[in-house]
Structures are given as C-alpha cells and as structure tokens.
Protein backbone atom coordinates (compact mmCIF):
# COMPACT_ATOMS: atom_id res chain seq x y z
CA UNK A 1 148.49 303.69 -14.45
CA UNK A 2 145.62 301.21 -14.16
CA UNK A 3 144.85 300.13 -10.60
CA UNK A 4 144.91 296.35 -9.98
CA UNK A 5 141.49 294.70 -9.56
CA UNK A 6 140.85 293.99 -5.85
CA UNK A 7 140.82 290.31 -4.90
CA UNK A 8 140.05 288.37 -1.73
CA UNK A 9 142.93 288.18 0.77
CA UNK A 10 143.70 284.92 2.57
CA UNK A 11 143.78 286.31 6.10
CA UNK A 12 141.93 283.80 8.31
CA UNK A 13 143.92 281.05 10.03
CA UNK A 14 142.52 277.90 11.64
CA UNK A 15 141.86 279.70 14.94
CA UNK A 16 139.99 282.52 13.19
CA UNK A 17 137.94 280.07 11.08
CA UNK A 18 137.04 278.00 14.16
CA UNK A 19 135.98 281.13 16.04
CA UNK A 20 133.82 282.12 13.05
CA UNK A 21 132.05 278.74 13.23
CA UNK A 22 131.54 278.85 17.00
CA UNK A 23 130.80 282.56 17.13
CA UNK A 24 128.16 282.41 14.39
CA UNK A 25 126.41 279.55 16.20
CA UNK A 26 126.29 281.06 19.68
CA UNK A 27 123.88 283.98 19.76
CA UNK A 28 120.98 284.30 22.19
CA UNK A 29 119.36 280.89 21.61
CA UNK A 30 121.18 278.91 24.31
CA UNK A 31 120.03 281.47 26.88
CA UNK A 32 116.35 281.23 25.86
CA UNK A 33 115.07 278.27 23.82
CA UNK A 34 115.31 275.62 26.55
CA UNK A 35 112.09 277.01 28.04
CA UNK A 36 110.10 276.08 24.93
CA UNK A 37 111.89 272.72 24.66
CA UNK A 38 110.88 271.81 28.22
CA UNK A 39 107.30 272.91 27.59
CA UNK A 40 107.19 270.51 24.64
CA UNK A 41 108.94 267.46 26.13
CA UNK A 42 108.46 267.91 29.88
CA UNK A 43 111.51 266.08 31.27
CA UNK A 44 115.24 266.53 31.76
CA UNK A 45 116.06 263.37 29.84
CA UNK A 46 114.19 264.52 26.75
CA UNK A 47 115.58 268.06 27.10
CA UNK A 48 119.14 266.73 26.89
CA UNK A 49 118.14 264.25 24.17
CA UNK A 50 116.89 267.12 21.98
CA UNK A 51 120.22 268.91 22.37
CA UNK A 52 122.18 265.68 21.84
CA UNK A 53 120.34 264.77 18.64
CA UNK A 54 120.72 268.35 17.35
CA UNK A 55 124.43 268.27 18.22
CA UNK A 56 124.87 264.92 16.47
CA UNK A 57 123.10 266.19 13.36
CA UNK A 58 125.20 269.37 13.33
CA UNK A 59 128.46 267.43 13.72
CA UNK A 60 127.44 264.91 11.04
CA UNK A 61 126.60 267.74 8.65
CA UNK A 62 129.83 269.62 9.45
CA UNK A 63 131.95 266.51 8.79
CA UNK A 64 130.12 266.01 5.49
CA UNK A 65 130.56 269.65 4.43
CA UNK A 66 134.30 269.25 4.92
CA UNK A 67 134.53 267.25 1.70
CA UNK A 68 132.61 269.87 -0.28
CA UNK A 69 134.60 272.76 1.18
CA UNK A 70 137.86 271.07 0.16
CA UNK A 71 136.57 270.48 -3.37
CA UNK A 72 135.32 274.05 -3.84
CA UNK A 73 137.42 276.34 -1.60
CA UNK A 74 135.95 279.62 -2.79
CA UNK A 75 133.48 282.29 -1.72
CA UNK A 76 129.83 281.21 -1.66
CA UNK A 77 129.96 277.93 0.25
CA UNK A 78 126.62 276.14 0.21
CA UNK A 79 125.41 278.18 -2.79
CA UNK A 80 128.38 276.88 -4.80
CA UNK A 81 127.95 273.27 -3.61
CA UNK A 82 124.30 273.18 -4.67
CA UNK A 83 125.14 274.63 -8.09
CA UNK A 84 127.92 272.08 -8.67
CA UNK A 85 125.87 269.08 -7.46
CA UNK A 86 122.51 270.03 -8.99
CA UNK A 87 121.90 273.08 -11.20
CA UNK A 88 121.77 276.90 -11.11
CA UNK A 89 118.06 276.90 -10.20
CA UNK A 90 118.66 274.90 -7.02
CA UNK A 91 121.52 277.15 -5.95
CA UNK A 92 119.47 280.27 -6.71
CA UNK A 93 116.55 279.04 -4.59
CA UNK A 94 118.97 278.65 -1.72
CA UNK A 95 120.57 282.05 -2.34
CA UNK A 96 117.14 283.70 -2.66
CA UNK A 97 115.89 282.13 0.60
CA UNK A 98 119.19 283.02 2.26
CA UNK A 99 118.86 286.69 1.32
CA UNK A 100 115.09 286.98 1.78
CA UNK A 101 114.90 285.41 5.23
CA UNK A 102 117.52 282.92 6.43
CA UNK A 103 120.47 285.29 6.89
CA UNK A 104 118.86 288.71 6.98
CA UNK A 105 116.08 287.78 9.43
CA UNK A 106 118.65 286.01 11.63
CA UNK A 107 120.80 289.15 11.66
CA UNK A 108 117.69 291.14 12.65
CA UNK A 109 116.71 288.68 15.39
CA UNK A 110 120.23 288.61 16.86
CA UNK A 111 120.45 292.41 16.65
CA UNK A 112 117.18 292.88 18.54
CA UNK A 113 118.29 290.30 21.12
CA UNK A 114 121.38 292.45 21.72
CA UNK A 115 119.17 295.51 22.20
CA UNK A 116 116.70 293.74 24.50
CA UNK A 117 119.44 292.75 26.92
CA UNK A 118 121.13 296.15 26.65
CA UNK A 119 117.90 297.44 28.19
CA UNK A 120 118.79 295.66 31.45
CA UNK A 121 121.74 298.05 31.75
CA UNK A 122 120.14 301.05 30.02
CA UNK A 123 116.32 300.91 30.37
CA UNK A 124 115.92 303.62 27.72
CA UNK A 125 116.37 300.86 25.11
CA UNK A 126 113.43 298.80 26.40
CA UNK A 127 111.43 296.94 23.77
CA UNK A 128 108.25 297.93 25.65
CA UNK A 129 108.72 301.64 24.90
CA UNK A 130 107.41 303.17 21.69
CA UNK A 131 109.26 305.98 19.94
CA UNK A 132 107.09 306.01 16.82
CA UNK A 133 103.61 304.74 16.01
CA UNK A 134 103.13 304.56 12.24
CA UNK A 135 99.66 303.06 12.46
CA UNK A 136 100.55 299.83 10.66
CA UNK A 137 103.50 299.23 13.00
CA UNK A 138 105.23 300.64 16.07
CA UNK A 139 108.95 301.23 16.51
CA UNK A 140 110.78 300.67 19.80
CA UNK A 141 114.21 301.87 20.98
CA UNK A 142 115.33 298.21 20.90
CA UNK A 143 114.63 298.05 17.16
CA UNK A 144 116.49 301.31 16.52
CA UNK A 145 119.51 300.19 18.57
CA UNK A 146 119.59 296.87 16.70
CA UNK A 147 119.71 298.75 13.39
CA UNK A 148 122.55 300.95 14.68
CA UNK A 149 124.52 297.84 15.69
CA UNK A 150 123.94 296.21 12.28
CA UNK A 151 125.10 299.40 10.53
CA UNK A 152 128.19 299.63 12.76
CA UNK A 153 129.20 296.01 12.15
CA UNK A 154 128.54 296.36 8.43
CA UNK A 155 130.75 299.43 8.30
CA UNK A 156 133.52 297.65 10.24
CA UNK A 157 133.39 294.76 7.81
CA UNK A 158 133.61 297.07 4.79
CA UNK A 159 136.97 298.21 6.20
CA UNK A 160 138.51 294.86 5.32
CA UNK A 161 138.71 291.26 6.48
CA UNK A 162 141.17 292.18 9.25
CA UNK A 163 138.56 294.34 11.01
CA UNK A 164 135.92 291.63 10.85
CA UNK A 165 138.43 288.99 11.95
CA UNK A 166 139.54 290.97 14.99
CA UNK A 167 135.96 291.49 16.20
CA UNK A 168 134.98 287.88 15.52
CA UNK A 169 137.91 286.13 17.17
CA UNK A 170 138.10 288.38 20.23
CA UNK A 171 134.37 288.41 20.96
CA UNK A 172 134.03 284.64 20.44
CA UNK A 173 136.92 283.89 22.81
CA UNK A 174 135.32 286.13 25.44
CA UNK A 175 131.89 284.54 25.08
CA UNK A 176 133.27 281.00 25.21
CA UNK A 177 135.15 281.86 28.41
CA UNK A 178 132.12 283.59 29.96
CA UNK A 179 129.78 280.72 29.05
CA UNK A 180 132.29 278.28 30.51
CA UNK A 181 132.41 280.36 33.66
CA UNK A 182 128.61 280.43 33.96
CA UNK A 183 128.47 276.64 33.58
CA UNK A 184 131.20 276.07 36.19
CA UNK A 185 129.59 278.41 38.74
CA UNK A 186 126.23 276.84 37.94
CA UNK A 187 127.46 273.33 38.68
CA UNK A 188 129.01 274.67 41.89
CA UNK A 189 125.59 276.05 42.91
CA UNK A 190 123.59 272.90 42.05
CA UNK A 191 120.73 272.15 44.44
CA UNK A 192 120.79 268.40 45.04
CA UNK A 193 117.06 268.24 45.73
CA UNK A 194 116.23 270.01 42.47
CA UNK A 195 118.68 267.80 40.55
CA UNK A 196 117.17 264.65 42.07
CA UNK A 197 113.59 265.76 41.29
CA UNK A 198 114.45 266.74 37.72
CA UNK A 199 116.29 263.50 37.03
CA UNK A 200 113.64 261.10 38.29
CA UNK A 201 111.33 259.73 35.57
CA UNK A 202 113.67 261.22 32.99
CA UNK A 203 111.85 259.65 30.00
CA UNK A 204 108.33 260.63 31.08
CA UNK A 205 107.43 262.78 28.08
CA UNK A 206 104.51 265.17 28.41
CA UNK A 207 103.56 268.75 27.68
CA UNK A 208 104.57 270.88 30.65
CA UNK A 209 102.64 274.08 31.21
CA UNK A 210 104.37 276.98 32.99
CA UNK A 211 101.98 276.38 35.90
CA UNK A 212 103.52 272.91 36.35
CA UNK A 213 100.48 271.09 34.97
CA UNK A 214 101.31 268.04 32.83
CA UNK A 215 99.46 267.01 29.66
CA UNK A 216 100.16 263.47 28.44
CA UNK A 217 100.99 262.54 24.83
CA UNK A 218 100.22 259.43 22.86
CA UNK A 219 103.17 257.98 20.88
CA UNK A 220 102.82 259.75 17.52
CA UNK A 221 102.11 263.26 18.91
CA UNK A 222 105.13 262.71 21.19
CA UNK A 223 107.32 262.46 18.09
CA UNK A 224 105.77 265.70 16.87
CA UNK A 225 106.65 267.29 20.21
CA UNK A 226 110.30 266.32 19.76
CA UNK A 227 110.31 267.86 16.27
CA UNK A 228 108.70 271.06 17.59
CA UNK A 229 111.24 271.19 20.43
CA UNK A 230 114.08 270.84 17.93
CA UNK A 231 113.05 274.01 16.11
CA UNK A 232 114.67 275.98 18.96
CA UNK A 233 117.78 273.82 19.27
CA UNK A 234 118.35 273.79 15.50
CA UNK A 235 117.99 277.58 15.38
CA UNK A 236 120.54 277.86 18.21
CA UNK A 237 122.94 275.53 16.39
CA UNK A 238 122.52 277.03 12.93
CA UNK A 239 124.97 279.19 10.96
CA UNK A 240 127.82 276.73 11.67
CA UNK A 241 128.49 276.61 7.91
CA UNK A 242 129.13 280.37 7.59
CA UNK A 243 132.85 279.72 7.34
CA UNK A 244 132.29 278.01 3.97
CA UNK A 245 130.92 281.27 2.55
CA UNK A 246 134.22 283.00 3.25
CA UNK A 247 136.47 280.19 1.98
CA UNK A 248 138.28 282.52 -0.42
CA UNK A 249 139.75 284.36 2.58
CA UNK A 250 140.86 281.34 4.63
CA UNK A 251 144.51 280.26 4.63
CA UNK A 252 144.97 276.71 3.32
CA UNK A 253 141.17 276.32 2.89
CA UNK A 254 141.35 272.70 1.72
CA UNK A 255 142.52 271.76 5.21
CA UNK A 256 141.37 274.51 7.55
CA UNK A 257 137.70 274.83 6.57
CA UNK A 258 136.86 271.18 7.20
CA UNK A 259 138.87 271.18 10.44
CA UNK A 260 137.30 274.42 11.67
CA UNK A 261 133.81 273.05 10.93
CA UNK A 262 134.49 270.04 13.15
CA UNK A 263 136.24 271.93 15.96
CA UNK A 264 133.70 274.76 16.08
CA UNK A 265 130.60 272.56 16.06
CA UNK A 266 132.13 270.14 18.59
CA UNK A 267 133.02 272.93 21.04
CA UNK A 268 129.55 274.49 20.81
CA UNK A 269 127.76 271.14 21.15
CA UNK A 270 129.65 270.39 24.38
CA UNK A 271 128.88 273.86 25.76
CA UNK A 272 125.18 273.62 24.88
CA UNK A 273 124.74 270.23 26.55
CA UNK A 274 126.71 271.34 29.63
CA UNK A 275 124.63 274.53 29.91
CA UNK A 276 121.37 272.58 29.84
CA UNK A 277 122.62 270.08 32.41
CA UNK A 278 123.45 273.08 34.59
CA UNK A 279 119.95 274.52 34.13
CA UNK A 280 118.44 271.28 35.43
CA UNK A 281 120.62 271.50 38.54
CA UNK A 282 119.59 274.99 39.65
CA UNK A 283 116.00 275.30 38.37
CA UNK A 284 112.96 273.04 38.60
CA UNK A 285 111.40 272.02 35.28
CA UNK A 286 108.36 274.31 35.82
CA UNK A 287 110.81 277.19 36.50
CA UNK A 288 112.59 276.47 33.22
CA UNK A 289 109.29 276.18 31.32
CA UNK A 290 107.86 279.32 32.92
CA UNK A 291 110.94 281.56 32.85
CA UNK A 292 109.93 285.19 32.23
CA UNK A 293 109.99 285.86 28.47
CA UNK A 294 111.70 282.43 28.18
CA UNK A 295 114.93 283.91 29.60
CA UNK A 296 116.09 280.72 31.30
CA UNK A 297 119.69 281.87 31.71
CA UNK A 298 118.57 285.03 33.52
CA UNK A 299 116.49 282.98 35.98
CA UNK A 300 119.35 280.51 36.50
CA UNK A 301 121.88 283.29 36.96
CA UNK A 302 119.73 284.93 39.62
CA UNK A 303 119.90 281.66 41.57
CA UNK A 304 123.67 281.35 41.02
CA UNK A 305 124.77 284.96 41.52
CA UNK A 306 121.85 286.55 43.35
CA UNK A 307 120.61 290.02 42.39
CA UNK A 308 123.63 290.68 40.17
CA UNK A 309 122.78 287.60 38.05
CA UNK A 310 120.52 289.52 35.68
CA UNK A 311 123.23 292.04 34.82
CA UNK A 312 125.84 289.29 34.39
CA UNK A 313 123.67 287.45 31.85
CA UNK A 314 122.73 290.71 30.13
CA UNK A 315 126.40 291.53 29.54
CA UNK A 316 127.10 287.95 28.41
CA UNK A 317 124.27 288.02 25.88
CA UNK A 318 125.35 291.44 24.62
CA UNK A 319 128.85 290.07 23.99
CA UNK A 320 127.45 286.87 22.49
CA UNK A 321 125.00 288.52 20.11
CA UNK A 322 127.41 291.26 19.05
CA UNK A 323 130.03 288.68 18.05
CA UNK A 324 127.43 286.41 16.48
CA UNK A 325 126.07 289.18 14.28
CA UNK A 326 129.56 290.13 13.16
CA UNK A 327 130.05 286.58 11.87
CA UNK A 328 126.67 286.52 10.15
CA UNK A 329 127.24 289.88 8.49
CA UNK A 330 130.79 289.05 7.41
CA UNK A 331 129.92 285.67 5.88
CA UNK A 332 126.51 286.41 4.36
CA UNK A 333 127.77 289.05 1.94
CA UNK A 334 130.03 286.48 0.23
CA UNK A 335 126.98 284.49 -0.89
CA UNK A 336 125.49 287.52 -2.63
CA UNK A 337 128.92 288.16 -4.18
CA UNK A 338 128.90 284.65 -5.71
CA UNK A 339 125.30 285.04 -6.87
CA UNK A 340 126.15 288.35 -8.54
CA UNK A 341 129.11 286.74 -10.31
CA UNK A 342 126.59 284.27 -11.80
CA UNK A 343 124.32 287.14 -12.87
CA UNK A 344 121.74 286.19 -10.24
CA UNK A 345 121.98 289.22 -7.93
CA UNK A 346 122.61 292.96 -8.17
CA UNK A 347 125.64 293.36 -10.44
CA UNK A 348 127.53 295.64 -8.05
CA UNK A 349 127.32 292.97 -5.34
CA UNK A 350 129.82 291.00 -7.41
CA UNK A 351 132.55 293.60 -6.99
CA UNK A 352 135.09 294.09 -4.21
CA UNK A 353 135.89 297.48 -2.73
CA UNK A 354 139.39 298.89 -2.23
CA UNK A 355 139.64 296.89 1.02
CA UNK A 356 139.12 293.62 -0.93
CA UNK A 357 135.68 292.85 0.54
CA UNK A 358 132.22 292.90 -1.14
CA UNK A 359 131.21 296.29 0.23
CA UNK A 360 128.08 296.74 -1.91
CA UNK A 361 126.80 293.28 -0.92
CA UNK A 362 127.40 294.12 2.74
CA UNK A 363 125.30 297.29 2.52
CA UNK A 364 122.45 295.60 0.61
CA UNK A 365 122.35 292.95 3.35
CA UNK A 366 122.42 295.70 6.00
CA UNK A 367 119.41 297.47 4.48
CA UNK A 368 117.32 294.31 4.23
CA UNK A 369 118.20 293.13 7.76
CA UNK A 370 117.33 296.60 9.10
CA UNK A 371 113.92 296.40 7.44
CA UNK A 372 113.31 293.08 9.18
CA UNK A 373 114.22 294.78 12.49
CA UNK A 374 111.49 297.35 11.89
CA UNK A 375 108.81 294.81 10.99
CA UNK A 376 109.28 292.82 14.19
CA UNK A 377 108.30 289.65 12.31
CA UNK A 378 111.78 288.08 12.14
CA UNK A 379 111.07 285.66 15.04
CA UNK A 380 108.01 284.17 13.34
CA UNK A 381 109.88 283.91 10.05
CA UNK A 382 112.80 282.09 11.64
CA UNK A 383 110.42 279.48 13.03
CA UNK A 384 108.87 279.16 9.59
CA UNK A 385 112.20 278.84 7.81
CA UNK A 386 113.68 276.10 10.05
CA UNK A 387 112.08 273.50 7.82
CA UNK A 388 113.61 275.00 4.66
CA UNK A 389 117.05 275.32 6.30
CA UNK A 390 117.12 271.60 7.08
CA UNK A 391 115.85 270.73 3.59
CA UNK A 392 118.77 272.64 2.03
CA UNK A 393 121.20 270.95 4.42
CA UNK A 394 119.87 267.55 3.33
CA UNK A 395 120.11 268.45 -0.35
CA UNK A 396 123.67 269.71 0.09
CA UNK A 397 124.78 266.57 1.93
CA UNK A 398 123.07 264.41 -0.71
CA UNK A 399 125.21 266.36 -3.16
CA UNK A 400 128.25 264.46 -1.86
CA UNK A 401 126.81 261.24 -3.29
CA UNK A 402 125.89 262.98 -6.55
CA UNK A 403 129.34 264.52 -7.00
CA UNK A 404 131.11 261.26 -6.24
CA UNK A 405 129.16 259.73 -9.10
CA UNK A 406 129.37 262.73 -11.48
CA UNK A 407 133.02 263.52 -10.76
CA UNK A 408 134.69 260.38 -9.43
CA UNK A 409 138.16 261.62 -10.42
CA UNK A 410 137.84 265.12 -8.95
CA UNK A 411 140.44 266.11 -6.36
CA UNK A 412 139.17 265.48 -2.84
CA UNK A 413 141.82 266.67 -0.36
CA UNK A 414 139.43 265.74 2.44
CA UNK A 415 136.85 262.98 2.36
CA UNK A 416 133.74 263.04 4.53
CA UNK A 417 134.40 261.16 7.77
CA UNK A 418 131.96 258.31 8.26
CA UNK A 419 130.88 258.28 4.59
CA UNK A 420 128.37 256.95 3.65
CA UNK A 421 126.92 256.22 7.10
CA UNK A 422 126.99 259.71 8.67
CA UNK A 423 125.64 261.54 5.61
CA UNK A 424 122.83 258.98 5.25
CA UNK A 425 122.03 259.24 8.96
CA UNK A 426 121.80 263.01 8.72
CA UNK A 427 119.52 262.82 5.69
CA UNK A 428 117.24 260.27 7.40
CA UNK A 429 117.09 262.28 10.64
CA UNK A 430 116.49 265.51 8.76
CA UNK A 431 113.76 263.85 6.72
CA UNK A 432 112.06 262.58 9.88
CA UNK A 433 112.25 266.08 11.41
CA UNK A 434 110.71 267.68 8.31
CA UNK A 435 107.91 265.10 7.95
CA UNK A 436 106.97 265.46 11.62
CA UNK A 437 106.85 269.25 11.27
CA UNK A 438 104.63 268.94 8.19
CA UNK A 439 102.22 266.70 10.11
CA UNK A 440 102.20 268.32 13.55
CA UNK A 441 103.44 271.88 13.08
CA UNK A 442 102.43 272.95 9.56
CA UNK A 443 102.81 276.63 10.51
CA UNK A 444 106.58 275.92 10.67
CA UNK A 445 106.64 274.54 7.12
CA UNK A 446 104.39 276.06 4.47
CA UNK A 447 105.38 279.76 4.91
CA UNK A 448 109.06 278.89 4.47
CA UNK A 449 108.26 276.76 1.44
CA UNK A 450 106.23 279.58 -0.11
CA UNK A 451 109.11 282.04 0.39
CA UNK A 452 111.50 279.58 -1.26
CA UNK A 453 109.18 278.73 -4.17
CA UNK A 454 108.65 282.43 -4.93
CA UNK A 455 112.26 282.24 -6.06
CA UNK A 456 111.34 280.06 -9.07
CA UNK A 457 109.61 282.78 -11.16
CA UNK A 458 112.25 285.27 -9.99
CA UNK A 459 114.99 282.93 -11.27
CA UNK A 460 113.42 282.58 -14.72
CA UNK A 461 112.77 286.33 -14.92
CA UNK A 462 116.43 287.09 -14.12
CA UNK A 463 117.61 284.41 -16.54
CA UNK A 464 115.45 285.80 -19.36
CA UNK A 465 116.84 289.28 -18.71
CA UNK A 466 120.40 287.92 -18.85
CA UNK A 467 119.65 286.09 -22.10
CA UNK A 468 118.17 289.25 -23.65
CA UNK A 469 121.33 291.18 -22.73
CA UNK A 470 123.49 288.52 -24.40
CA UNK A 471 121.50 288.68 -27.65
CA UNK A 472 121.55 292.48 -27.85
C-alpha cells in the first residue's frame, strides 16, 4: 500500500506563533548593543530615541506584513510575498541572501553568544582558549559548543513541529519572565544621582569614548551616528517575521499570523525600551559605553545583584539565545523548502520527512550555519547585511501597494492597519537609514550588496539548468 505524502500540520496556535515572534527577536542583542549605541549618540535621550524609532519601524512593518500573511498563508513568508509582488528573480535574491548570510550567520552568531556566556558557568568553553590552530584560522571551545547546540536544535526540529513548538514556547516564556524580573529589580536598584546625571542634557548628541571623553558632531554626521547606532538595535529587533515562514503550520493563519506579528513585536519593543531605561538608572553613560566586551547587562546586573549578577545574566542569556536559535532554525528551513518547490534550491529541500517537516532543508541550514561558526566572521557579516535586510523589508512593504493595484479583487482577510500612512512612513524611514549608511558607514553597505548581487548570475544559471531539463 502506498504511503501518503507527508504534508505540513497546523499545530501552532496564537500563543505559539506570538512566542515564535518574540523568541526569535530576543537573542543576545538587548544585553550587549546598547554600549555601541551610547558610544555613537552619547546621551540617554538619544539612546532611548534609537530604540523607540527601531520599535516604531518594527511595529509598522509587522502591521503591514499582516496583510501579506493573510493573502498568502503558506510556507515561505517573505520569499513568497516578493515573488507574488515582483518576480522570481527578486524572491530568489532574497532567498539567496537569506541562506548565504541573513539566517545562517544569525544562527551562528546566536549560537556562539550562547557558548560565550556558558563559559561564565563552565570556563572550559571560553572563547579565549584554542583547541585547534589550522594556520588560516583557530577554533575555540565556544565555537565547537555553538555547533553542538545548532546540531541538537536541528535534530529536535526534524522530530516534528511539536518538538520545536515545545522548546520555543517554553523557553520564550521563561526569558520574558526573567527579562521582566531583571527590569523590575533594576528599577528597584536605581541610583537617583546616576539617573539625574544621565537625564540632564538628554539631547546633547556627541561621540562618547569609553574613557568618558566627548567628541562633538556637526548636524549631518550626527544623522550618520544615529544610523550607525541603529545597526545594533535593528539587529536586536530582527527576525520578527520568522512566523510568516512557517505559516503553513499555524492554525487559522489568516487571523493568527497578523495578530502574532503585532503582539510579539509590541511585547519586545516595550521590554527593550524598559531595559534601556533601567540601564540608565544603574550605570553612568561612560560605564554603559565602556562595558567589558560591550556586556552592558552583565555590568548592570553586578550593580543590581552584586557578585552573583554575572551568573544570573549568563543563565538568562543562555536561555534567551537557546530559545532564539530554536526559532531561527525552525523557521528558516521553510524558506528553503519554498525555494526548492520553485526549482531554486536543492531538490530534496522541497520534501518533508515522515514527521511532516523539511528535514533535508534543516540539515543543509545546520551545515552552513556551523561553517559560519568556524569562520568567526558572522559578526562582521551581520553588520554588513543590516542594510540589505532593511532594503528587502522596504521592497516587501512596497509590495502591498503593488498587489493592491495588480490584484484589487484578491481576498484580503486582514488589511494593513494605518495603510497607506504606516507603510509609507516605514519606507521613508528605511530609505533614510540606508542612505545615511551609504554615506557615513559604507562598510555596512557594499559587502551586503555584493553578497546579494552574486545571486543574479546564480539565478540565471539555475534557471538555464531547469529549462534544459524541461527540454530534454
């Protein structure tokens, strides 16, 4: 008797989808990137402004994506939206960039962050130790542990959506509660003198060196400083759209995906702003800017909890990054599945295993992310790709306007809230961010563009191969 072909199972409810959004967003960034933001903008007012503007952009994008997710409630998410609004080349460039760097390098970065903070509890995993020197690169225990974690989470996700869902929802609930606890204890421990000093001259923007020395900006370079500061906050707020990749496994996706996008991004935005307000109440601005290895949360926790603060934050970040990587791994494979169905990725990636998940796609992603762990270059690449990520967000949101014109009669169970104002605002703000990066931080732009544009000849090569197969 012929076995039935495996198909996706609708197993994720609204709670699970919301936890996937929030859990994929919260990794290690909120514990670290505020140091670089303060070095760029120099004041508490501008620190919170950077997080507010990032939060607004994320919410605006999430509300806009709700319309697209309701129109196309199937695996692939943003890849599908770009194909429907533009053409297969545009969607392939996104999928190529997603596989080459955006998702796989993020998985590597989050995995190594887990390992780095594990070393606080078990020093044997220190990133400063070397277990192998290959001449062209060295390998640390932190890198090896990160690979083991990626392999473990990949294996768990090949066991079926229920395994991934259990890890994601439980770990995200724990990290939200622990972050909330840190913020509450932090506000309880606020030093009024530090708060008063940090919140005087709140709009005095300048470059703040870890030594406390201030370097003034003129107006235009100040805008560039805001854009550079936002690289960290945008990285920390990214991956909110991962739930759209897994739409085929969400119950009532036409309702729950759009709602989970809003709820998840709103919850995380509030937590991020509250955490940064707390930082400014327990640490001076030079202490934030000069935190050891940028680990602001560790420095703050030492003030709040004393000597046990380091271990508390280490455990929190381990929980946070473990859950974050589970969401990234779970969702990313569905993009490669959709690409393979279009003949634009390894053919086997377009099949589901006996547990009704894209097992082959999960393992391909695991291998590539593990390679990024070994190179140690994932951090640089993530800075470089921030520009491209925002460009694809803008193109996808512009796709709402295109689809409303191309398909005015298409079913739209959910319409973008604030249309056309919020989508236009996001596009304008994203455009300003990208232009400022091009002018003032070109190292954050051209490498990501090159990686993306490499996808053009690859696309035409794959297409020619597919055409040759059809004519044979």
